[in-house]
């Protein structure tokens, strides 16, 4: 028993010393860009259009270069400013017609956009945002969407590519007609949602469908974290709905991935050693 206690003590001290060492990463102090974005939508029902107002503030200590807005719903990118200095802010407005985004019925619509910018080394970055277009009367909340296999609010960790799925449940007593499901994130991550599903698709009251999502890391920096959203839209009766589930996509550095495997292997090996010694000590008794 004393041998087993000694082994346990030795291993515990080894882990306390070794595991933090594996995870230690030092970074030189560097300048950074931190853009804070706020948006507002003003609807003009008579002109069948809406105005997107965006305010961008640089809370970092490095200037952002080539600041722009990407509007994927209409396939356009707008230049906003050549430079946004630290501590400065800017405002931008753009008009979008209902026809350009397929707004026909009353209800709620999601209009996504990305803020684009570059750092001092001309490396491109982007940040995804959602704005909402409200055309009363609005429908009540009719569905929930959760990441399959993850708790509410769970994030997604990706290294190079990943396939996940969302469970979309009709929480109402009415039939829903889902005409679109999308995963919106930064441009550094390419996302496809709903492959293999023939939209529009009907969901019975309290029914559920599974929507696959594929992600590919094409230009992100390891360790980056991106605000993202899974968006589902369609019709409930004669009203349009659009509901989103927010989460973060975290890019795992390759060293971190290898570190996880190394730690897992070491812990498993040490447990086996402990169990083997415990078994031998019992045999000797």
C-alpha atoms as a PDB file:
ATOM      1  CA  UNK A   1       0.000   0.000   0.000  1.00  0.00           C
ATOM      2  CA  UNK A   2       2.882   2.350   0.814  1.00  0.00           C
ATOM      3  CA  UNK A   3       4.388   1.711  -2.627  1.00  0.00           C
ATOM      4  CA  UNK A   4       1.114   2.596  -4.273  1.00  0.00           C
ATOM      5  CA  UNK A   5       0.847   5.771  -2.216  1.00  0.00           C
ATOM      6  CA  UNK A   6       4.394   6.715  -3.196  1.00  0.00           C
ATOM      7  CA  UNK A   7       3.591   6.106  -6.892  1.00  0.00           C
ATOM      8  CA  UNK A   8       0.434   8.203  -6.683  1.00  0.00           C
ATOM      9  CA  UNK A   9       2.301  11.025  -4.974  1.00  0.00           C
ATOM     10  CA  UNK A  10       5.084  10.917  -7.559  1.00  0.00           C
ATOM     11  CA  UNK A  11       2.651  10.946 -10.483  1.00  0.00           C
ATOM     12  CA  UNK A  12       0.547  13.758  -9.034  1.00  0.00           C
ATOM     13  CA  UNK A  13       3.641  15.916  -8.529  1.00  0.00           C
ATOM     14  CA  UNK A  14       4.800  15.045 -12.046  1.00  0.00           C
ATOM     15  CA  UNK A  15       1.466  16.133 -13.517  1.00  0.00           C
ATOM     16  CA  UNK A  16       1.377  19.340 -11.494  1.00  0.00           C
ATOM     17  CA  UNK A  17       4.798  20.238 -12.835  1.00  0.00           C
ATOM     18  CA  UNK A  18       4.626  18.858 -16.380  1.00  0.00           C
ATOM     19  CA  UNK A  19       1.135  19.750 -17.606  1.00  0.00           C
ATOM     20  CA  UNK A  20       1.448  23.496 -17.034  1.00  0.00           C
ATOM     21  CA  UNK A  21       4.822  23.401 -18.739  1.00  0.00           C
ATOM     22  CA  UNK A  22       3.221  21.893 -21.836  1.00  0.00           C
ATOM     23  CA  UNK A  23       0.632  24.632 -21.917  1.00  0.00           C
ATOM     24  CA  UNK A  24       2.950  27.552 -21.321  1.00  0.00           C
ATOM     25  CA  UNK A  25       2.989  29.927 -24.258  1.00  0.00           C
ATOM     26  CA  UNK A  26       4.597  33.336 -24.178  1.00  0.00           C
ATOM     27  CA  UNK A  27       3.762  36.201 -26.466  1.00  0.00           C
ATOM     28  CA  UNK A  28       5.606  39.398 -27.099  1.00  0.00           C
ATOM     29  CA  UNK A  29       3.555  42.492 -26.439  1.00  0.00           C
ATOM     30  CA  UNK A  30       2.096  43.662 -29.746  1.00  0.00           C
ATOM     31  CA  UNK A  31      -0.219  46.282 -31.143  1.00  0.00           C
ATOM     32  CA  UNK A  32      -3.736  45.181 -31.941  1.00  0.00           C
ATOM     33  CA  UNK A  33      -6.912  46.274 -33.698  1.00  0.00           C
ATOM     34  CA  UNK A  34     -10.229  46.038 -31.866  1.00  0.00           C
ATOM     35  CA  UNK A  35     -13.216  47.200 -33.874  1.00  0.00           C
ATOM     36  CA  UNK A  36     -16.503  47.626 -32.004  1.00  0.00           C
ATOM     37  CA  UNK A  37     -19.496  47.658 -34.338  1.00  0.00           C
ATOM     38  CA  UNK A  38     -23.076  48.781 -33.728  1.00  0.00           C
ATOM     39  CA  UNK A  39     -25.819  48.686 -36.327  1.00  0.00           C
ATOM     40  CA  UNK A  40     -29.365  49.925 -36.751  1.00  0.00           C
ATOM     41  CA  UNK A  41     -31.987  49.369 -39.432  1.00  0.00           C
ATOM     42  CA  UNK A  42     -34.573  51.959 -40.477  1.00  0.00           C
ATOM     43  CA  UNK A  43     -37.427  50.556 -42.576  1.00  0.00           C
ATOM     44  CA  UNK A  44     -39.332  52.628 -45.137  1.00  0.00           C
ATOM     45  CA  UNK A  45     -42.357  50.476 -45.990  1.00  0.00           C
ATOM     46  CA  UNK A  46     -43.702  52.991 -48.517  1.00  0.00           C
ATOM     47  CA  UNK A  47     -40.498  53.006 -50.548  1.00  0.00           C
ATOM     48  CA  UNK A  48     -40.077  49.263 -49.972  1.00  0.00           C
ATOM     49  CA  UNK A  49     -36.532  49.670 -48.737  1.00  0.00           C
ATOM     50  CA  UNK A  50     -34.489  49.883 -45.568  1.00  0.00           C
ATOM     51  CA  UNK A  51     -31.417  51.790 -44.481  1.00  0.00           C
ATOM     52  CA  UNK A  52     -28.559  50.017 -42.710  1.00  0.00           C
ATOM     53  CA  UNK A  53     -26.627  52.298 -40.364  1.00  0.00           C
ATOM     54  CA  UNK A  54     -23.287  51.055 -39.078  1.00  0.00           C
ATOM     55  CA  UNK A  55     -20.979  52.684 -36.543  1.00  0.00           C
ATOM     56  CA  UNK A  56     -17.439  51.313 -36.216  1.00  0.00           C
ATOM     57  CA  UNK A  57     -15.017  52.312 -33.460  1.00  0.00           C
ATOM     58  CA  UNK A  58     -11.376  51.269 -33.149  1.00  0.00           C
ATOM     59  CA  UNK A  59     -10.673  50.521 -29.481  1.00  0.00           C
ATOM     60  CA  UNK A  60      -7.249  49.051 -30.204  1.00  0.00           C
ATOM     61  CA  UNK A  61      -3.863  50.741 -30.463  1.00  0.00           C
ATOM     62  CA  UNK A  62      -3.168  50.049 -34.150  1.00  0.00           C
ATOM     63  CA  UNK A  63      -4.837  51.647 -37.165  1.00  0.00           C
ATOM     64  CA  UNK A  64      -7.177  49.540 -39.266  1.00  0.00           C
ATOM     65  CA  UNK A  65      -6.570  49.827 -43.007  1.00  0.00           C
ATOM     66  CA  UNK A  66      -8.967  49.499 -45.960  1.00  0.00           C
ATOM     67  CA  UNK A  67     -12.107  49.353 -43.827  1.00  0.00           C
ATOM     68  CA  UNK A  68     -15.128  48.094 -45.742  1.00  0.00           C
ATOM     69  CA  UNK A  69     -18.506  46.389 -45.490  1.00  0.00           C
ATOM     70  CA  UNK A  70     -19.379  43.133 -47.205  1.00  0.00           C
ATOM     71  CA  UNK A  71     -23.100  42.628 -47.864  1.00  0.00           C
ATOM     72  CA  UNK A  72     -23.400  38.958 -48.897  1.00  0.00           C
ATOM     73  CA  UNK A  73     -27.189  39.017 -49.311  1.00  0.00           C
ATOM     74  CA  UNK A  74     -26.858  41.385 -52.254  1.00  0.00           C
ATOM     75  CA  UNK A  75     -23.365  40.291 -53.327  1.00  0.00           C
ATOM     76  CA  UNK A  76     -21.726  43.673 -52.799  1.00  0.00           C
ATOM     77  CA  UNK A  77     -18.755  45.111 -50.911  1.00  0.00           C
ATOM     78  CA  UNK A  78     -18.653  48.799 -49.998  1.00  0.00           C
ATOM     79  CA  UNK A  79     -15.499  50.771 -49.189  1.00  0.00           C
ATOM     80  CA  UNK A  80     -15.932  52.706 -45.938  1.00  0.00           C
ATOM     81  CA  UNK A  81     -12.589  54.350 -45.095  1.00  0.00           C
ATOM     82  CA  UNK A  82      -8.915  53.959 -46.078  1.00  0.00           C
ATOM     83  CA  UNK A  83      -7.842  54.153 -42.416  1.00  0.00           C
ATOM     84  CA  UNK A  84      -9.465  54.060 -38.980  1.00  0.00           C
ATOM     85  CA  UNK A  85      -7.035  55.302 -36.343  1.00  0.00           C
ATOM     86  CA  UNK A  86      -7.027  54.122 -32.706  1.00  0.00           C
ATOM     87  CA  UNK A  87      -9.700  55.838 -30.618  1.00  0.00           C
ATOM     88  CA  UNK A  88     -11.551  57.031 -33.711  1.00  0.00           C
ATOM     89  CA  UNK A  89     -14.964  56.015 -35.048  1.00  0.00           C
ATOM     90  CA  UNK A  90     -16.879  56.320 -38.285  1.00  0.00           C
ATOM     91  CA  UNK A  91     -20.440  55.913 -39.496  1.00  0.00           C
ATOM     92  CA  UNK A  92     -21.694  54.418 -42.715  1.00  0.00           C
ATOM     93  CA  UNK A  93     -25.160  54.152 -44.275  1.00  0.00           C
ATOM     94  CA  UNK A  94     -26.462  52.177 -47.211  1.00  0.00           C
ATOM     95  CA  UNK A  95     -29.934  51.714 -48.694  1.00  0.00           C
ATOM     96  CA  UNK A  96     -31.230  48.291 -49.681  1.00  0.00           C
ATOM     97  CA  UNK A  97     -34.448  47.626 -51.576  1.00  0.00           C
ATOM     98  CA  UNK A  98     -36.888  44.911 -50.494  1.00  0.00           C
ATOM     99  CA  UNK A  99     -36.629  43.347 -53.945  1.00  0.00           C
ATOM    100  CA  UNK A 100     -32.849  42.973 -53.621  1.00  0.00           C
ATOM    101  CA  UNK A 101     -33.195  40.677 -50.593  1.00  0.00           C
ATOM    102  CA  UNK A 102     -36.549  39.053 -51.354  1.00  0.00           C
ATOM    103  CA  UNK A 103     -38.697  40.819 -48.747  1.00  0.00           C
ATOM    104  CA  UNK A 104     -42.329  40.280 -49.721  1.00  0.00           C
ATOM    105  CA  UNK A 105     -44.345  39.487 -46.592  1.00  0.00           C
ATOM    106  CA  UNK A 106     -44.659  41.070 -43.163  1.00  0.00           C
ATOM    107  CA  UNK A 107     -42.426  39.635 -40.471  1.00  0.00           C
ATOM    108  CA  UNK A 108     -38.806  39.422 -39.420  1.00  0.00           C
ATOM    109  CA  UNK A 109     -35.777  39.182 -41.727  1.00  0.00           C
ATOM    110  CA  UNK A 110     -32.050  38.837 -41.027  1.00  0.00           C
ATOM    111  CA  UNK A 111     -29.582  40.953 -42.967  1.00  0.00           C
ATOM    112  CA  UNK A 112     -25.974  39.855 -42.301  1.00  0.00           C
ATOM    113  CA  UNK A 113     -22.869  41.899 -43.025  1.00  0.00           C
ATOM    114  CA  UNK A 114     -19.128  41.698 -42.435  1.00  0.00           C
ATOM    115  CA  UNK A 115     -16.733  44.435 -41.422  1.00  0.00           C
ATOM    116  CA  UNK A 116     -13.542  44.050 -43.463  1.00  0.00           C
ATOM    117  CA  UNK A 117     -10.158  45.540 -42.614  1.00  0.00           C
ATOM    118  CA  UNK A 118      -6.408  44.979 -42.827  1.00  0.00           C
ATOM    119  CA  UNK A 119      -3.587  45.391 -40.345  1.00  0.00           C
ATOM    120  CA  UNK A 120      -0.294  47.229 -40.833  1.00  0.00           C
ATOM    121  CA  UNK A 121       1.079  44.205 -42.704  1.00  0.00           C
ATOM    122  CA  UNK A 122      -1.910  44.233 -45.093  1.00  0.00           C
ATOM    123  CA  UNK A 123      -3.184  40.956 -43.629  1.00  0.00           C
ATOM    124  CA  UNK A 124      -6.996  40.752 -44.114  1.00  0.00           C
ATOM    125  CA  UNK A 125      -9.457  40.314 -41.254  1.00  0.00           C
ATOM    126  CA  UNK A 126     -13.237  40.295 -41.011  1.00  0.00           C
ATOM    127  CA  UNK A 127     -15.954  40.282 -38.369  1.00  0.00           C
ATOM    128  CA  UNK A 128     -19.463  38.916 -38.912  1.00  0.00           C
ATOM    129  CA  UNK A 129     -22.569  40.762 -37.718  1.00  0.00           C
ATOM    130  CA  UNK A 130     -26.336  40.355 -38.019  1.00  0.00           C
ATOM    131  CA  UNK A 131     -28.929  43.087 -38.354  1.00  0.00           C
ATOM    132  CA  UNK A 132     -32.697  42.601 -38.302  1.00  0.00           C
ATOM    133  CA  UNK A 133     -35.309  44.048 -40.615  1.00  0.00           C
ATOM    134  CA  UNK A 134     -38.711  44.286 -38.923  1.00  0.00           C
ATOM    135  CA  UNK A 135     -41.864  44.659 -40.962  1.00  0.00           C
ATOM    136  CA  UNK A 136     -44.884  44.478 -38.582  1.00  0.00           C
ATOM    137  CA  UNK A 137     -46.862  42.537 -37.644  1.00  0.00           C
ATOM    138  CA  UNK A 138     -44.074  40.272 -36.360  1.00  0.00           C
ATOM    139  CA  UNK A 139     -44.454  36.551 -35.640  1.00  0.00           C
ATOM    140  CA  UNK A 140     -43.769  35.137 -32.191  1.00  0.00           C
ATOM    141  CA  UNK A 141     -40.741  32.890 -31.689  1.00  0.00           C
ATOM    142  CA  UNK A 142     -41.458  29.584 -33.423  1.00  0.00           C
ATOM    143  CA  UNK A 143     -38.308  27.454 -33.307  1.00  0.00           C
ATOM    144  CA  UNK A 144     -35.128  26.610 -31.456  1.00  0.00           C
ATOM    145  CA  UNK A 145     -31.807  25.497 -32.912  1.00  0.00           C
ATOM    146  CA  UNK A 146     -29.091  23.754 -30.911  1.00  0.00           C
ATOM    147  CA  UNK A 147     -25.681  22.407 -31.814  1.00  0.00           C
ATOM    148  CA  UNK A 148     -25.918  18.626 -31.980  1.00  0.00           C
ATOM    149  CA  UNK A 149     -23.950  17.036 -29.168  1.00  0.00           C
ATOM    150  CA  UNK A 150     -23.232  20.332 -27.439  1.00  0.00           C
ATOM    151  CA  UNK A 151     -24.830  22.263 -24.568  1.00  0.00           C
ATOM    152  CA  UNK A 152     -26.758  25.484 -25.115  1.00  0.00           C
ATOM    153  CA  UNK A 153     -24.387  28.242 -26.146  1.00  0.00           C
ATOM    154  CA  UNK A 154     -21.648  25.751 -27.015  1.00  0.00           C
ATOM    155  CA  UNK A 155     -18.886  26.879 -29.322  1.00  0.00           C
ATOM    156  CA  UNK A 156     -17.184  25.068 -32.192  1.00  0.00           C
ATOM    157  CA  UNK A 157     -13.482  24.244 -32.257  1.00  0.00           C
ATOM    158  CA  UNK A 158     -11.902  23.771 -35.656  1.00  0.00           C
ATOM    159  CA  UNK A 159      -8.400  23.160 -36.933  1.00  0.00           C
ATOM    160  CA  UNK A 160      -8.654  22.683 -40.716  1.00  0.00           C
ATOM    161  CA  UNK A 161     -12.184  21.455 -41.453  1.00  0.00           C
ATOM    162  CA  UNK A 162     -15.150  20.166 -39.501  1.00  0.00           C
ATOM    163  CA  UNK A 163     -18.656  18.807 -40.039  1.00  0.00           C
ATOM    164  CA  UNK A 164     -21.291  19.599 -37.415  1.00  0.00           C
ATOM    165  CA  UNK A 165     -25.089  19.681 -37.334  1.00  0.00           C
ATOM    166  CA  UNK A 166     -27.875  21.711 -35.752  1.00  0.00           C
ATOM    167  CA  UNK A 167     -31.161  20.323 -34.493  1.00  0.00           C
ATOM    168  CA  UNK A 168     -33.964  22.664 -35.510  1.00  0.00           C
ATOM    169  CA  UNK A 169     -37.182  22.181 -33.552  1.00  0.00           C
ATOM    170  CA  UNK A 170     -40.588  23.689 -34.208  1.00  0.00           C
ATOM    171  CA  UNK A 171     -41.672  24.950 -30.775  1.00  0.00           C
ATOM    172  CA  UNK A 172     -45.067  26.203 -31.971  1.00  0.00           C
ATOM    173  CA  UNK A 173     -48.401  24.526 -32.624  1.00  0.00           C
ATOM    174  CA  UNK A 174     -48.328  25.566 -36.272  1.00  0.00           C
ATOM    175  CA  UNK A 175     -46.621  24.122 -39.329  1.00  0.00           C
ATOM    176  CA  UNK A 176     -43.431  25.867 -40.391  1.00  0.00           C
ATOM    177  CA  UNK A 177     -42.077  26.149 -43.895  1.00  0.00           C
ATOM    178  CA  UNK A 178     -38.296  26.559 -43.674  1.00  0.00           C
ATOM    179  CA  UNK A 179     -36.941  28.022 -46.895  1.00  0.00           C
ATOM    180  CA  UNK A 180     -33.335  28.649 -45.862  1.00  0.00           C
ATOM    181  CA  UNK A 181     -30.697  27.641 -43.311  1.00  0.00           C
ATOM    182  CA  UNK A 182     -27.283  29.286 -43.246  1.00  0.00           C
ATOM    183  CA  UNK A 183     -24.200  29.558 -41.071  1.00  0.00           C
ATOM    184  CA  UNK A 184     -22.765  33.054 -41.047  1.00  0.00           C
ATOM    185  CA  UNK A 185     -19.236  33.675 -39.828  1.00  0.00           C
ATOM    186  CA  UNK A 186     -16.083  35.584 -40.748  1.00  0.00           C
ATOM    187  CA  UNK A 187     -14.706  35.330 -44.265  1.00  0.00           C
ATOM    188  CA  UNK A 188     -11.704  33.397 -42.932  1.00  0.00           C
ATOM    189  CA  UNK A 189     -14.020  30.407 -42.427  1.00  0.00           C
ATOM    190  CA  UNK A 190     -16.007  28.994 -45.370  1.00  0.00           C
ATOM    191  CA  UNK A 191     -19.342  27.538 -44.257  1.00  0.00           C
ATOM    192  CA  UNK A 192     -22.060  25.540 -46.025  1.00  0.00           C
ATOM    193  CA  UNK A 193     -25.368  24.683 -44.354  1.00  0.00           C
ATOM    194  CA  UNK A 194     -28.182  22.388 -45.363  1.00  0.00           C
ATOM    195  CA  UNK A 195     -26.367  20.281 -47.958  1.00  0.00           C
ATOM    196  CA  UNK A 196     -28.613  17.375 -48.932  1.00  0.00           C
ATOM    197  CA  UNK A 197     -31.815  19.108 -47.795  1.00  0.00           C
ATOM    198  CA  UNK A 198     -34.335  20.133 -50.433  1.00  0.00           C
ATOM    199  CA  UNK A 199     -35.580  23.541 -49.316  1.00  0.00           C
ATOM    200  CA  UNK A 200     -38.269  24.610 -48.681  1.00  0.00           C
ATOM    201  CA  UNK A 201     -38.974  21.916 -46.100  1.00  0.00           C
ATOM    202  CA  UNK A 202     -41.980  21.634 -43.793  1.00  0.00           C
ATOM    203  CA  UNK A 203     -41.669  21.034 -40.045  1.00  0.00           C
ATOM    204  CA  UNK A 204     -44.767  19.751 -38.269  1.00  0.00           C
ATOM    205  CA  UNK A 205     -45.825  21.221 -34.904  1.00  0.00           C
ATOM    206  CA  UNK A 206     -43.256  20.126 -32.287  1.00  0.00           C
ATOM    207  CA  UNK A 207     -41.325  18.412 -35.081  1.00  0.00           C
ATOM    208  CA  UNK A 208     -37.579  18.532 -35.665  1.00  0.00           C
ATOM    209  CA  UNK A 209     -35.080  18.410 -38.518  1.00  0.00           C
ATOM    210  CA  UNK A 210     -31.313  17.976 -38.585  1.00  0.00           C
ATOM    211  CA  UNK A 211     -29.335  20.518 -40.611  1.00  0.00           C
ATOM    212  CA  UNK A 212     -25.697  19.632 -41.450  1.00  0.00           C
ATOM    213  CA  UNK A 213     -23.054  22.364 -41.525  1.00  0.00           C
ATOM    214  CA  UNK A 214     -19.559  22.030 -42.999  1.00  0.00           C
ATOM    215  CA  UNK A 215     -16.776  24.431 -42.024  1.00  0.00           C
ATOM    216  CA  UNK A 216     -13.383  24.953 -43.621  1.00  0.00           C
ATOM    217  CA  UNK A 217     -10.584  27.111 -42.278  1.00  0.00           C
ATOM    218  CA  UNK A 218      -9.167  28.944 -45.298  1.00  0.00           C
ATOM    219  CA  UNK A 219      -7.348  32.000 -43.953  1.00  0.00           C
ATOM    220  CA  UNK A 220      -7.584  32.278 -40.182  1.00  0.00           C
ATOM    221  CA  UNK A 221      -4.788  32.783 -37.694  1.00  0.00           C
ATOM    222  CA  UNK A 222      -4.447  29.913 -35.179  1.00  0.00           C
ATOM    223  CA  UNK A 223      -5.964  30.864 -31.852  1.00  0.00           C
ATOM    224  CA  UNK A 224      -8.525  33.213 -33.414  1.00  0.00           C
ATOM    225  CA  UNK A 225     -12.127  33.265 -32.207  1.00  0.00           C
ATOM    226  CA  UNK A 226     -14.969  34.316 -34.499  1.00  0.00           C
ATOM    227  CA  UNK A 227     -18.475  35.427 -33.611  1.00  0.00           C
ATOM    228  CA  UNK A 228     -20.865  33.352 -35.743  1.00  0.00           C
ATOM    229  CA  UNK A 229     -24.542  32.514 -36.095  1.00  0.00           C
ATOM    230  CA  UNK A 230     -26.730  29.715 -37.425  1.00  0.00           C
ATOM    231  CA  UNK A 231     -29.752  31.318 -39.090  1.00  0.00           C
ATOM    232  CA  UNK A 232     -33.049  29.679 -40.067  1.00  0.00           C
ATOM    233  CA  UNK A 233     -35.783  31.513 -41.973  1.00  0.00           C
ATOM    234  CA  UNK A 234     -39.136  30.717 -43.525  1.00  0.00           C
ATOM    235  CA  UNK A 235     -42.881  31.165 -43.164  1.00  0.00           C
ATOM    236  CA  UNK A 236     -45.347  30.568 -40.358  1.00  0.00           C
ATOM    237  CA  UNK A 237     -48.786  31.201 -41.789  1.00  0.00           C
ATOM    238  CA  UNK A 238     -48.562  34.421 -43.794  1.00  0.00           C
ATOM    239  CA  UNK A 239     -45.667  35.881 -41.783  1.00  0.00           C
ATOM    240  CA  UNK A 240     -41.948  35.561 -42.374  1.00  0.00           C
ATOM    241  CA  UNK A 241     -39.651  34.511 -39.536  1.00  0.00           C
ATOM    242  CA  UNK A 242     -35.882  34.511 -39.172  1.00  0.00           C
ATOM    243  CA  UNK A 243     -34.217  33.222 -36.040  1.00  0.00           C
ATOM    244  CA  UNK A 244     -30.551  32.887 -35.167  1.00  0.00           C
ATOM    245  CA  UNK A 245     -28.397  30.957 -32.714  1.00  0.00           C
ATOM    246  CA  UNK A 246     -25.167  32.737 -31.800  1.00  0.00           C
ATOM    247  CA  UNK A 247     -21.932  30.924 -31.007  1.00  0.00           C
ATOM    248  CA  UNK A 248     -18.192  31.237 -31.510  1.00  0.00           C
ATOM    249  CA  UNK A 249     -15.887  29.354 -33.851  1.00  0.00           C
ATOM    250  CA  UNK A 250     -12.451  28.916 -32.276  1.00  0.00           C
ATOM    251  CA  UNK A 251      -9.465  27.960 -34.419  1.00  0.00           C
ATOM    252  CA  UNK A 252      -7.256  25.506 -32.533  1.00  0.00           C
ATOM    253  CA  UNK A 253      -3.518  25.915 -33.146  1.00  0.00           C
ATOM    254  CA  UNK A 254      -1.888  22.739 -34.430  1.00  0.00           C
ATOM    255  CA  UNK A 255       0.452  22.711 -31.433  1.00  0.00           C
ATOM    256  CA  UNK A 256      -2.543  22.817 -29.109  1.00  0.00           C
ATOM    257  CA  UNK A 257      -4.126  19.895 -30.934  1.00  0.00           C
ATOM    258  CA  UNK A 258      -0.914  17.888 -30.668  1.00  0.00           C
ATOM    259  CA  UNK A 259      -0.602  18.934 -27.035  1.00  0.00           C
ATOM    260  CA  UNK A 260      -4.059  17.535 -26.298  1.00  0.00           C
ATOM    261  CA  UNK A 261      -3.081  14.194 -27.809  1.00  0.00           C
ATOM    262  CA  UNK A 262       0.198  14.159 -25.885  1.00  0.00           C
ATOM    263  CA  UNK A 263      -1.472  14.982 -22.578  1.00  0.00           C
ATOM    264  CA  UNK A 264      -4.176  12.383 -23.150  1.00  0.00           C
ATOM    265  CA  UNK A 265      -1.606   9.717 -23.957  1.00  0.00           C
ATOM    266  CA  UNK A 266       0.551  10.555 -20.934  1.00  0.00           C
ATOM    267  CA  UNK A 267      -2.384  10.541 -18.540  1.00  0.00           C
ATOM    268  CA  UNK A 268      -3.624   7.200 -19.908  1.00  0.00           C
ATOM    269  CA  UNK A 269      -0.121   5.712 -19.608  1.00  0.00           C
ATOM    270  CA  UNK A 270       0.287   6.912 -16.034  1.00  0.00           C
ATOM    271  CA  UNK A 271      -3.099   5.525 -15.040  1.00  0.00           C
ATOM    272  CA  UNK A 272      -2.141   2.143 -16.490  1.00  0.00           C
ATOM    273  CA  UNK A 273       1.161   2.212 -14.573  1.00  0.00           C
ATOM    274  CA  UNK A 274      -0.653   3.010 -11.335  1.00  0.00           C
ATOM    275  CA  UNK A 275      -3.217   0.281 -11.849  1.00  0.00           C
ATOM    276  CA  UNK A 276      -0.473  -2.222 -12.678  1.00  0.00           C
ATOM    277  CA  UNK A 277       1.495  -1.394  -9.529  1.00  0.00           C
ATOM    278  CA  UNK A 278      -1.627  -1.519  -7.412  1.00  0.00           C
ATOM    279  CA  UNK A 279      -2.477  -4.948  -8.818  1.00  0.00           C
ATOM    280  CA  UNK A 280       1.055  -6.242  -8.114  1.00  0.00           C
ATOM    281  CA  UNK A 281       1.007  -4.897  -4.546  1.00  0.00           C
ATOM    282  CA  UNK A 282      -2.265  -6.694  -3.879  1.00  0.00           C
ATOM    283  CA  UNK A 283      -0.820  -9.946  -5.233  1.00  0.00           C
ATOM    284  CA  UNK A 284       2.151  -9.670  -2.855  1.00  0.00           C
ATOM    285  CA  UNK A 285      -0.189  -9.108   0.095  1.00  0.00           C
END
